[in-house]
Amino acid sequence: MWKLTRPDNQHDKLTRDNLLDLQDHRLVRIELVREDQRQVWVLTKRGHGEAKKLLEPKGIRVSALREEKYDPDTGELLGASYDDHSAAVTTTAAELHRAGIGNRLGFATEIPHRLADGYVQRADLVVRAPEAGVPVMLLEIDRRTEDAHDLVTKLRRYWEWGRLLPKDAAKLTVDLVRSRPGAIEDVDHEKRLWRRVYPPTGREGLVPLAFVFADTTEAKVANTVAVLEETGRRYWAPRRYQSLYREAITAKDYSQAVPVVVTTLEQLQEHGADAAVWRRLGRKDEQTLTDALDNPDGDALYRRQYAHAEAEDERRRAAEREARRPVCKRCGRKFTDQRWEETTTHRTAWKAGDLSLCSDCHADDVARKEAAAEAARLQAATPPELEPEHDQEPGKLRGLFRRRG
């Protein structure tokens, strides 16, 4: 508890003093004392009511009241309601908080996720730490009391829950999902149920899931992770993008996957939750939590590769088109786009003249034809000149003039 409430303190005296003060006011009580002599404190009925008044207006969920149970024979208070698993969950939250991942009110335990068949999958721990790059993450704490295939089943259930629609979904969307298997993948995440419960993750895919292993061996952890990777591949693995430029795209499509990271409680305690102690399924090396949750080979890479492939395809098509561009048989120059279109389009080719000539040469031909036609028109419009009469005698003309005088 003191690690969660006072992560910077080296000793728990301040927390113990506060708990003792709350105990004096009958707000908390000791549930049990663990083997290492650490005490587990819980709220009393009075303290539970006070906490609900303080926290619920702020949207903070209060866990169920731990009823006091006594041995019927000895009358001794039974403290078996909390076990080592619950302690591991609390310790995990404390280590996350100590590393700056989540505040004290950003953790919730035993959060239900109801599936379509009515089954409720409860997350051991939910953390919301947007300031640390983790808007939301579900955690399953496993002390290797469950079979590895049971963890795969949990993964499948979270994946199925992330594909549900809310009850008030639009009829068109509901009909689309019912129309064919996998149609839910065409429905944007904003229209799904999980976005009513949790904020956007800031990354592709569904709500991230973390498996934290505690009190076990490295060999058992390795075997369990191997089963998760192999048997649960459908739920965590990305897909190839369906694109026109399939060969040029190496990016992965994480949009329908559950990001899954794994670590151990011992690593969190030794190195800190902000260290490179998280391994993403499908990757080999351990990373920091945010690096493990990020997808450097995801949507951002896809957009860059698609834009590059599209530009390359455009250049290739332009080069191929340029190679097909006609050359004028008279001057040897290439056709302009306009002339090329004139000579190949059915509606304009019939009046484009010699289809083997470029626009300039065609314009010269048109100009010559127009000049010849104009000359012919002018010649036809000019009247013929009269020839002078040379058969009249000069003397007669002079005689005529004399007579008039």
Protein backbone atom coordinates (compact mmCIF):
# COMPACT_ATOMS: atom_id res chain seq x y z
CA MET A 1 0.00 0.00 0.00
CA TRP A 2 2.72 2.49 0.88
CA LYS A 3 4.40 1.87 -2.49
CA LEU A 4 1.16 2.81 -4.19
CA THR A 5 0.35 5.85 -2.06
CA ARG A 6 3.89 7.11 -1.40
CA PRO A 7 6.14 5.68 -4.14
CA ASP A 8 8.96 8.10 -3.34
CA ASN A 9 9.18 7.16 0.34
CA GLN A 10 11.79 4.60 1.32
CA HIS A 11 9.83 3.49 4.38
CA ASP A 12 6.17 2.86 5.07
CA LYS A 13 5.90 4.65 8.43
CA LEU A 14 3.79 7.51 7.09
CA THR A 15 1.36 5.10 5.46
CA ARG A 16 1.17 2.95 8.59
CA ASP A 17 0.49 6.00 10.74
CA ASN A 18 -2.31 7.07 8.41
CA LEU A 19 -3.83 3.59 8.42
CA LEU A 20 -3.69 3.44 12.20
CA ASP A 21 -5.43 6.79 12.35
CA LEU A 22 -8.14 5.54 9.98
CA GLN A 23 -8.42 2.41 12.10
CA ASP A 24 -9.08 4.54 15.17
CA HIS A 25 -12.01 6.06 13.30
CA ARG A 26 -13.21 2.56 12.31
CA LEU A 27 -12.73 3.25 8.59
CA VAL A 28 -10.20 0.46 7.89
CA ARG A 29 -9.26 -2.84 9.45
CA ILE A 30 -6.54 -5.48 9.07
CA GLU A 31 -7.73 -8.34 6.86
CA LEU A 32 -4.73 -10.61 7.29
CA VAL A 33 -1.00 -10.75 7.97
CA ARG A 34 1.05 -12.39 5.26
CA GLU A 35 3.96 -14.75 5.79
CA ASP A 36 6.42 -11.90 5.33
CA GLN A 37 4.58 -10.05 8.13
CA ARG A 38 3.10 -7.47 5.77
CA GLN A 39 -0.44 -6.52 6.68
CA VAL A 40 -3.34 -6.41 4.25
CA TRP A 41 -5.75 -3.58 5.11
CA VAL A 42 -9.33 -3.24 3.84
CA LEU A 43 -12.16 -0.76 4.26
CA THR A 44 -14.80 -1.31 6.88
CA LYS A 45 -18.47 -0.87 6.02
CA ARG A 46 -18.30 2.68 7.33
CA GLY A 47 -15.07 3.39 5.44
CA HIS A 48 -16.55 1.89 2.28
CA GLY A 49 -19.48 4.26 2.47
CA GLU A 50 -17.21 7.26 3.04
CA ALA A 51 -15.05 6.27 0.07
CA LYS A 52 -18.07 6.00 -2.21
CA LYS A 53 -19.16 9.50 -1.28
CA LEU A 54 -15.70 10.87 -1.96
CA LEU A 55 -14.85 8.99 -5.14
CA GLU A 56 -17.99 8.11 -7.06
CA PRO A 57 -18.82 11.71 -8.07
CA LYS A 58 -15.47 11.69 -9.85
CA GLY A 59 -16.28 8.51 -11.75
CA ILE A 60 -14.01 6.28 -9.66
CA ARG A 61 -15.19 2.73 -9.19
CA VAL A 62 -15.08 1.40 -5.60
CA SER A 63 -14.48 -2.31 -5.13
CA ALA A 64 -16.99 -4.47 -3.31
CA LEU A 65 -17.05 -4.43 0.46
CA ARG A 66 -15.03 -7.19 2.11
CA GLU A 67 -17.35 -8.66 4.68
CA GLU A 68 -15.88 -9.75 8.00
CA LYS A 69 -16.01 -13.52 8.36
CA TYR A 70 -15.33 -15.38 11.57
CA ASP A 71 -14.54 -19.00 12.31
CA PRO A 72 -17.75 -20.57 13.68
CA ASP A 73 -15.84 -22.61 16.22
CA THR A 74 -13.12 -20.31 17.50
CA GLY A 75 -14.70 -16.97 16.66
CA GLU A 76 -11.41 -15.87 15.07
CA LEU A 77 -11.57 -13.39 12.21
CA LEU A 78 -10.93 -15.17 8.93
CA GLY A 79 -8.59 -13.37 6.60
CA ALA A 80 -8.61 -15.71 3.65
CA SER A 81 -10.54 -13.46 1.29
CA TYR A 82 -7.30 -11.98 -0.03
CA ASP A 83 -4.73 -14.38 -1.42
CA ASP A 84 -1.31 -14.17 -3.03
CA HIS A 85 -2.92 -13.42 -6.39
CA SER A 86 -4.62 -10.32 -5.02
CA ALA A 87 -1.35 -9.25 -3.43
CA ALA A 88 0.41 -9.68 -6.80
CA VAL A 89 -2.23 -7.54 -8.48
CA THR A 90 -1.77 -4.78 -5.91
CA THR A 91 2.01 -5.01 -6.15
CA THR A 92 1.83 -4.74 -9.95
CA ALA A 93 -0.25 -1.57 -9.64
CA ALA A 94 2.25 -0.19 -7.13
CA GLU A 95 5.20 -0.86 -9.47
CA LEU A 96 3.40 0.81 -12.37
CA HIS A 97 2.59 3.82 -10.21
CA ARG A 98 6.15 4.00 -8.88
CA ALA A 99 7.38 4.23 -12.47
CA GLY A 100 4.97 7.06 -13.26
CA ILE A 101 2.53 4.89 -15.20
CA GLY A 102 -0.89 5.74 -13.80
CA ASN A 103 -1.99 7.73 -10.76
CA ARG A 104 -3.57 6.33 -7.60
CA LEU A 105 -7.07 6.79 -8.99
CA GLY A 106 -6.13 5.46 -12.42
CA PHE A 107 -6.26 1.80 -11.36
CA ALA A 108 -9.29 -0.47 -11.11
CA THR A 109 -9.52 -4.18 -10.36
CA GLU A 110 -11.89 -6.95 -11.39
CA ILE A 111 -13.43 -4.95 -14.24
CA PRO A 112 -16.11 -7.00 -16.07
CA HIS A 113 -16.30 -7.37 -19.85
CA ARG A 114 -19.55 -9.07 -20.86
CA LEU A 115 -19.45 -11.12 -24.06
CA ALA A 116 -22.27 -11.80 -26.51
CA ASP A 117 -23.01 -15.19 -24.93
CA GLY A 118 -23.35 -13.61 -21.49
CA TYR A 119 -19.96 -14.74 -20.18
CA VAL A 120 -18.16 -12.07 -18.15
CA GLN A 121 -14.39 -11.83 -18.54
CA ARG A 122 -12.95 -9.87 -15.63
CA ALA A 123 -9.65 -8.07 -15.97
CA ASP A 124 -7.41 -8.37 -12.91
CA LEU A 125 -6.28 -4.78 -13.32
CA VAL A 126 -7.07 -1.87 -15.61
CA VAL A 127 -4.71 1.08 -15.77
CA ARG A 128 -5.32 4.44 -17.39
CA ALA A 129 -2.18 6.53 -17.78
CA PRO A 130 -2.53 8.85 -20.80
CA GLU A 131 0.24 11.11 -19.46
CA ALA A 132 2.61 8.11 -19.71
CA GLY A 133 1.52 7.16 -23.24
CA VAL A 134 -0.83 4.41 -22.04
CA PRO A 135 -4.41 5.73 -22.29
CA VAL A 136 -5.72 2.31 -21.24
CA MET A 137 -4.35 -1.19 -20.71
CA LEU A 138 -5.83 -4.40 -19.32
CA LEU A 139 -3.61 -6.60 -17.17
CA GLU A 140 -3.87 -10.28 -16.27
CA ILE A 141 -1.69 -11.32 -13.35
CA ASP A 142 -0.76 -15.01 -13.54
CA ARG A 143 1.09 -16.91 -10.83
CA ARG A 144 1.16 -19.93 -13.16
CA THR A 145 -1.89 -21.38 -11.50
CA GLU A 146 -3.61 -21.40 -14.89
CA ASP A 147 -2.79 -23.49 -17.92
CA ALA A 148 -1.23 -21.61 -20.83
CA HIS A 149 -4.22 -22.47 -23.02
CA ASP A 150 -6.49 -20.82 -20.45
CA LEU A 151 -4.58 -17.60 -21.05
CA VAL A 152 -5.14 -18.03 -24.79
CA THR A 153 -8.86 -18.33 -24.05
CA LYS A 154 -8.72 -15.07 -22.08
CA LEU A 155 -6.98 -13.41 -25.00
CA ARG A 156 -9.67 -14.69 -27.36
CA ARG A 157 -12.41 -13.33 -25.13
CA TYR A 158 -10.87 -9.86 -25.01
CA TRP A 159 -10.53 -9.99 -28.80
CA GLU A 160 -14.20 -10.98 -29.15
CA TRP A 161 -15.27 -8.26 -26.73
CA GLY A 162 -13.42 -5.69 -28.83
CA ARG A 163 -15.50 -6.73 -31.85
CA LEU A 164 -18.91 -6.22 -30.23
CA LEU A 165 -21.38 -3.50 -31.15
CA PRO A 166 -23.25 -1.46 -28.53
CA LYS A 167 -26.91 -2.27 -27.98
CA ASP A 168 -28.01 0.98 -29.60
CA ALA A 169 -25.92 0.50 -32.74
CA ALA A 170 -27.51 1.69 -35.98
CA LYS A 171 -29.65 -0.92 -37.74
CA LEU A 172 -27.61 -0.55 -40.92
CA THR A 173 -24.43 -1.38 -38.97
CA VAL A 174 -26.07 -4.34 -37.22
CA ASP A 175 -27.33 -5.71 -40.55
CA LEU A 176 -23.87 -5.31 -42.05
CA VAL A 177 -22.25 -7.31 -39.25
CA ARG A 178 -24.87 -10.03 -39.49
CA SER A 179 -24.57 -10.25 -43.25
CA ARG A 180 -21.27 -12.09 -43.39
CA PRO A 181 -18.45 -13.34 -41.15
CA GLY A 182 -15.80 -10.75 -40.46
CA ALA A 183 -17.99 -7.83 -41.48
CA ILE A 184 -17.29 -6.21 -38.10
CA GLU A 185 -13.82 -5.40 -39.43
CA ASP A 186 -15.45 -2.91 -41.79
CA VAL A 187 -17.00 -1.08 -38.83
CA ASP A 188 -14.90 1.75 -37.43
CA HIS A 189 -13.72 1.34 -33.84
CA GLU A 190 -15.60 4.51 -32.87
CA LYS A 191 -18.86 2.63 -33.50
CA ARG A 192 -17.94 -0.40 -31.39
CA LEU A 193 -18.80 -1.17 -27.78
CA TRP A 194 -15.26 -0.91 -26.40
CA ARG A 195 -15.05 2.77 -27.33
CA ARG A 196 -18.04 3.41 -25.06
CA VAL A 197 -16.04 1.95 -22.16
CA TYR A 198 -12.46 3.05 -22.80
CA PRO A 199 -10.80 6.05 -24.45
CA PRO A 200 -8.98 5.73 -27.77
CA THR A 201 -5.63 4.02 -27.34
CA GLY A 202 -3.78 6.36 -29.68
CA ARG A 203 -2.58 3.33 -31.63
CA GLU A 204 -4.03 0.85 -34.11
CA GLY A 205 -5.97 -2.12 -32.87
CA LEU A 206 -8.02 -3.02 -29.81
CA VAL A 207 -7.36 -2.38 -26.13
CA PRO A 208 -3.82 -3.56 -25.26
CA LEU A 209 -3.46 -6.53 -22.93
CA ALA A 210 -0.55 -7.33 -20.60
CA PHE A 211 0.25 -10.65 -18.98
CA VAL A 212 2.32 -10.23 -15.82
CA PHE A 213 3.76 -13.50 -14.49
CA ALA A 214 4.62 -13.80 -10.80
CA ASP A 215 6.23 -16.36 -8.51
CA THR A 216 7.29 -18.66 -11.31
CA THR A 217 10.36 -19.75 -13.26
CA GLU A 218 11.82 -18.38 -16.47
CA ALA A 219 11.25 -21.74 -18.17
CA LYS A 220 7.54 -21.73 -17.35
CA VAL A 221 7.20 -18.16 -18.54
CA ALA A 222 8.97 -18.99 -21.81
CA ASN A 223 6.72 -22.01 -22.39
CA THR A 224 3.59 -19.99 -21.67
CA VAL A 225 4.64 -17.17 -23.99
CA ALA A 226 5.38 -19.69 -26.73
CA VAL A 227 1.85 -21.06 -26.44
CA LEU A 228 0.38 -17.56 -26.50
CA GLU A 229 2.35 -16.70 -29.61
CA GLU A 230 1.50 -19.88 -31.49
CA THR A 231 -2.05 -20.71 -30.44
CA GLY A 232 -3.21 -17.12 -29.99
CA ARG A 233 -1.72 -15.80 -33.23
CA ARG A 234 -5.11 -15.05 -34.75
CA TYR A 235 -5.87 -12.59 -31.96
CA TRP A 236 -2.60 -10.67 -31.54
CA ALA A 237 -0.85 -10.94 -34.92
CA PRO A 238 -1.10 -8.19 -37.55
CA ARG A 239 -2.05 -8.88 -41.15
CA ARG A 240 -0.75 -7.83 -44.52
CA TYR A 241 -2.35 -4.78 -46.03
CA GLN A 242 -4.61 -5.42 -49.01
CA SER A 243 -3.19 -2.92 -51.46
CA LEU A 244 -2.64 -2.40 -55.17
CA TYR A 245 1.06 -2.13 -54.36
CA ARG A 246 1.24 -5.34 -52.34
CA GLU A 247 4.83 -6.12 -53.29
CA ALA A 248 6.05 -2.68 -52.22
CA ILE A 249 4.24 -2.69 -48.85
CA THR A 250 6.03 -4.32 -45.91
CA ALA A 251 3.95 -2.52 -43.26
CA LYS A 252 1.57 -4.58 -41.12
CA ASP A 253 -2.12 -4.01 -40.47
CA TYR A 254 -2.72 -3.98 -36.70
CA SER A 255 -6.26 -2.60 -36.87
CA GLN A 256 -8.02 -5.80 -35.79
CA ALA A 257 -5.38 -7.15 -33.39
CA VAL A 258 -5.04 -7.09 -29.61
CA PRO A 259 -1.60 -5.70 -28.72
CA VAL A 260 -0.21 -8.17 -26.17
CA VAL A 261 2.86 -7.51 -23.98
CA VAL A 262 4.34 -9.79 -21.32
CA THR A 263 6.67 -9.32 -18.36
CA THR A 264 7.22 -10.65 -14.86
CA LEU A 265 6.53 -9.05 -11.51
CA GLU A 266 10.13 -9.78 -10.50
CA GLN A 267 11.41 -7.71 -13.44
CA LEU A 268 9.08 -4.86 -12.54
CA GLN A 269 10.36 -4.86 -8.98
CA GLU A 270 14.02 -5.16 -9.94
CA HIS A 271 14.24 -2.77 -12.89
CA GLY A 272 11.04 -0.71 -12.72
CA ALA A 273 7.98 -0.72 -14.96
CA ASP A 274 9.46 2.09 -17.06
CA ALA A 275 12.51 0.00 -18.00
CA ALA A 276 12.91 -2.29 -21.00
CA VAL A 277 11.18 -5.25 -19.35
CA TRP A 278 8.16 -5.65 -21.67
CA ARG A 279 8.12 -7.98 -24.65
CA ARG A 280 5.50 -7.67 -27.37
CA LEU A 281 4.22 -10.94 -28.78
CA GLY A 282 5.79 -11.38 -32.19
CA ARG A 283 8.99 -9.53 -31.24
CA LYS A 284 12.20 -10.88 -29.80
CA ASP A 285 13.62 -8.10 -27.66
CA GLU A 286 12.32 -6.49 -24.51
CA GLN A 287 11.34 -2.83 -24.72
CA THR A 288 9.87 -0.07 -22.63
CA LEU A 289 6.10 -0.25 -22.34
CA THR A 290 5.36 2.55 -24.80
CA ASP A 291 7.86 1.21 -27.34
CA ALA A 292 6.36 -2.25 -27.00
CA LEU A 293 2.86 -0.89 -27.58
CA ASP A 294 3.87 1.30 -30.53
CA ASN A 295 3.74 -0.04 -34.08
CA PRO A 296 6.67 1.37 -36.06
CA ASP A 297 5.82 -1.05 -38.86
CA GLY A 298 2.12 -0.19 -38.74
CA ASP A 299 -0.17 2.45 -40.17
CA ALA A 300 2.36 5.30 -40.32
CA LEU A 301 4.82 3.16 -42.29
CA TYR A 302 2.00 2.00 -44.54
CA ARG A 303 1.07 5.58 -45.47
CA ARG A 304 4.69 6.40 -46.30
CA GLN A 305 5.19 3.23 -48.34
CA TYR A 306 1.89 3.65 -50.14
CA ALA A 307 2.70 7.25 -51.08
CA HIS A 308 6.16 6.20 -52.30
CA ALA A 309 4.77 3.25 -54.27
CA GLU A 310 2.08 5.45 -55.78
CA ALA A 311 4.66 8.03 -56.85
CA GLU A 312 6.88 5.32 -58.34
CA ASP A 313 3.92 3.86 -60.21
CA GLU A 314 3.02 7.28 -61.52
CA ARG A 315 6.59 7.79 -62.76
CA ARG A 316 6.59 4.36 -64.39
CA ARG A 317 3.29 4.97 -66.14
CA ALA A 318 4.48 8.42 -67.26
CA ALA A 319 7.67 6.89 -68.71
CA GLU A 320 5.70 4.19 -70.53
CA ARG A 321 3.32 6.79 -71.92
CA GLU A 322 6.22 8.96 -73.01
CA ALA A 323 7.73 5.98 -74.83
CA ARG A 324 4.48 5.57 -76.77
CA ARG A 325 4.25 9.28 -77.71
CA PRO A 326 4.14 9.65 -81.56
CA VAL A 327 6.92 11.42 -83.49
CA CYS A 328 6.23 13.72 -86.42
CA LYS A 329 7.26 12.11 -89.70
CA ARG A 330 8.17 15.47 -91.19
CA CYS A 331 10.13 17.37 -88.49
CA GLY A 332 10.93 14.55 -86.06
CA ARG A 333 9.52 16.30 -82.99
CA LYS A 334 7.25 14.54 -80.47
CA PHE A 335 3.56 15.25 -80.41
CA THR A 336 2.20 17.55 -77.74
CA ASP A 337 -0.47 16.12 -75.43
CA GLN A 338 -3.11 18.17 -77.21
CA ARG A 339 -2.06 16.97 -80.68
CA TRP A 340 -1.80 13.39 -79.47
CA GLU A 341 -5.33 13.57 -78.15
CA GLU A 342 -6.57 15.16 -81.38
CA THR A 343 -5.17 12.33 -83.48
CA THR A 344 -6.41 9.50 -81.25
CA THR A 345 -9.84 10.68 -80.09
CA HIS A 346 -12.60 9.48 -82.39
CA ARG A 347 -14.57 12.71 -82.29
CA THR A 348 -11.58 14.84 -83.36
CA ALA A 349 -9.41 12.49 -85.43
CA TRP A 350 -11.57 12.89 -88.57
CA LYS A 351 -10.71 16.61 -88.80
CA ALA A 352 -7.12 16.40 -87.51
CA GLY A 353 -5.60 16.21 -90.97
CA ASP A 354 -2.53 14.05 -91.50
CA LEU A 355 -2.37 12.01 -88.30
CA SER A 356 1.38 11.51 -88.64
CA LEU A 357 2.19 15.24 -88.38
CA CYS A 358 2.77 17.22 -85.19
CA SER A 359 0.70 20.25 -84.36
CA ASP A 360 3.17 22.74 -85.91
CA CYS A 361 3.49 20.85 -89.18
CA HIS A 362 -0.23 20.31 -89.28
CA ALA A 363 -0.70 24.04 -88.69
CA ASP A 364 1.68 24.77 -91.62
CA ASP A 365 -0.35 22.51 -93.88
CA VAL A 366 -3.56 24.16 -92.79
CA ALA A 367 -2.02 27.61 -93.38
CA ARG A 368 -0.85 26.65 -96.90
CA LYS A 369 -4.23 25.25 -97.79
CA GLU A 370 -5.93 28.35 -96.48
CA ALA A 371 -3.54 30.61 -98.42
CA ALA A 372 -4.12 28.67 -101.65
CA ALA A 373 -7.85 28.76 -101.12
CA GLU A 374 -7.75 32.50 -100.48
CA ALA A 375 -5.73 33.11 -103.62
CA ALA A 376 -8.16 31.07 -105.66
CA ARG A 377 -11.09 32.98 -104.17
CA LEU A 378 -9.53 36.35 -104.98
CA GLN A 379 -8.74 35.30 -108.50
CA ALA A 380 -12.28 34.18 -109.09
CA ALA A 381 -13.70 37.43 -107.71
CA THR A 382 -11.51 39.86 -109.89
CA PRO A 383 -13.14 40.88 -113.35
CA PRO A 384 -11.05 40.46 -116.53
CA GLU A 385 -9.32 43.66 -117.91
CA LEU A 386 -10.59 45.06 -121.34
CA GLU A 387 -8.18 44.98 -124.29
CA PRO A 388 -7.72 48.34 -126.27
CA GLU A 389 -9.08 48.44 -129.89
CA HIS A 390 -6.22 48.70 -132.41
CA ASP A 391 -8.30 48.53 -135.71
CA GLN A 392 -9.33 52.23 -135.74
CA GLU A 393 -7.38 54.53 -138.09
CA PRO A 394 -5.86 57.58 -136.52
CA GLY A 395 -7.10 59.86 -139.26
CA LYS A 396 -10.70 58.98 -138.74
CA LEU A 397 -10.46 59.74 -135.04
CA ARG A 398 -8.97 63.10 -135.77
CA GLY A 399 -11.70 63.78 -138.29
CA LEU A 400 -14.32 63.04 -135.71
CA PHE A 401 -12.84 65.40 -133.28
CA ARG A 402 -12.65 68.09 -135.96
CA ARG A 403 -16.26 67.77 -136.83
CA ARG A 404 -17.40 68.21 -133.30
CA GLY A 405 -15.36 71.30 -133.04
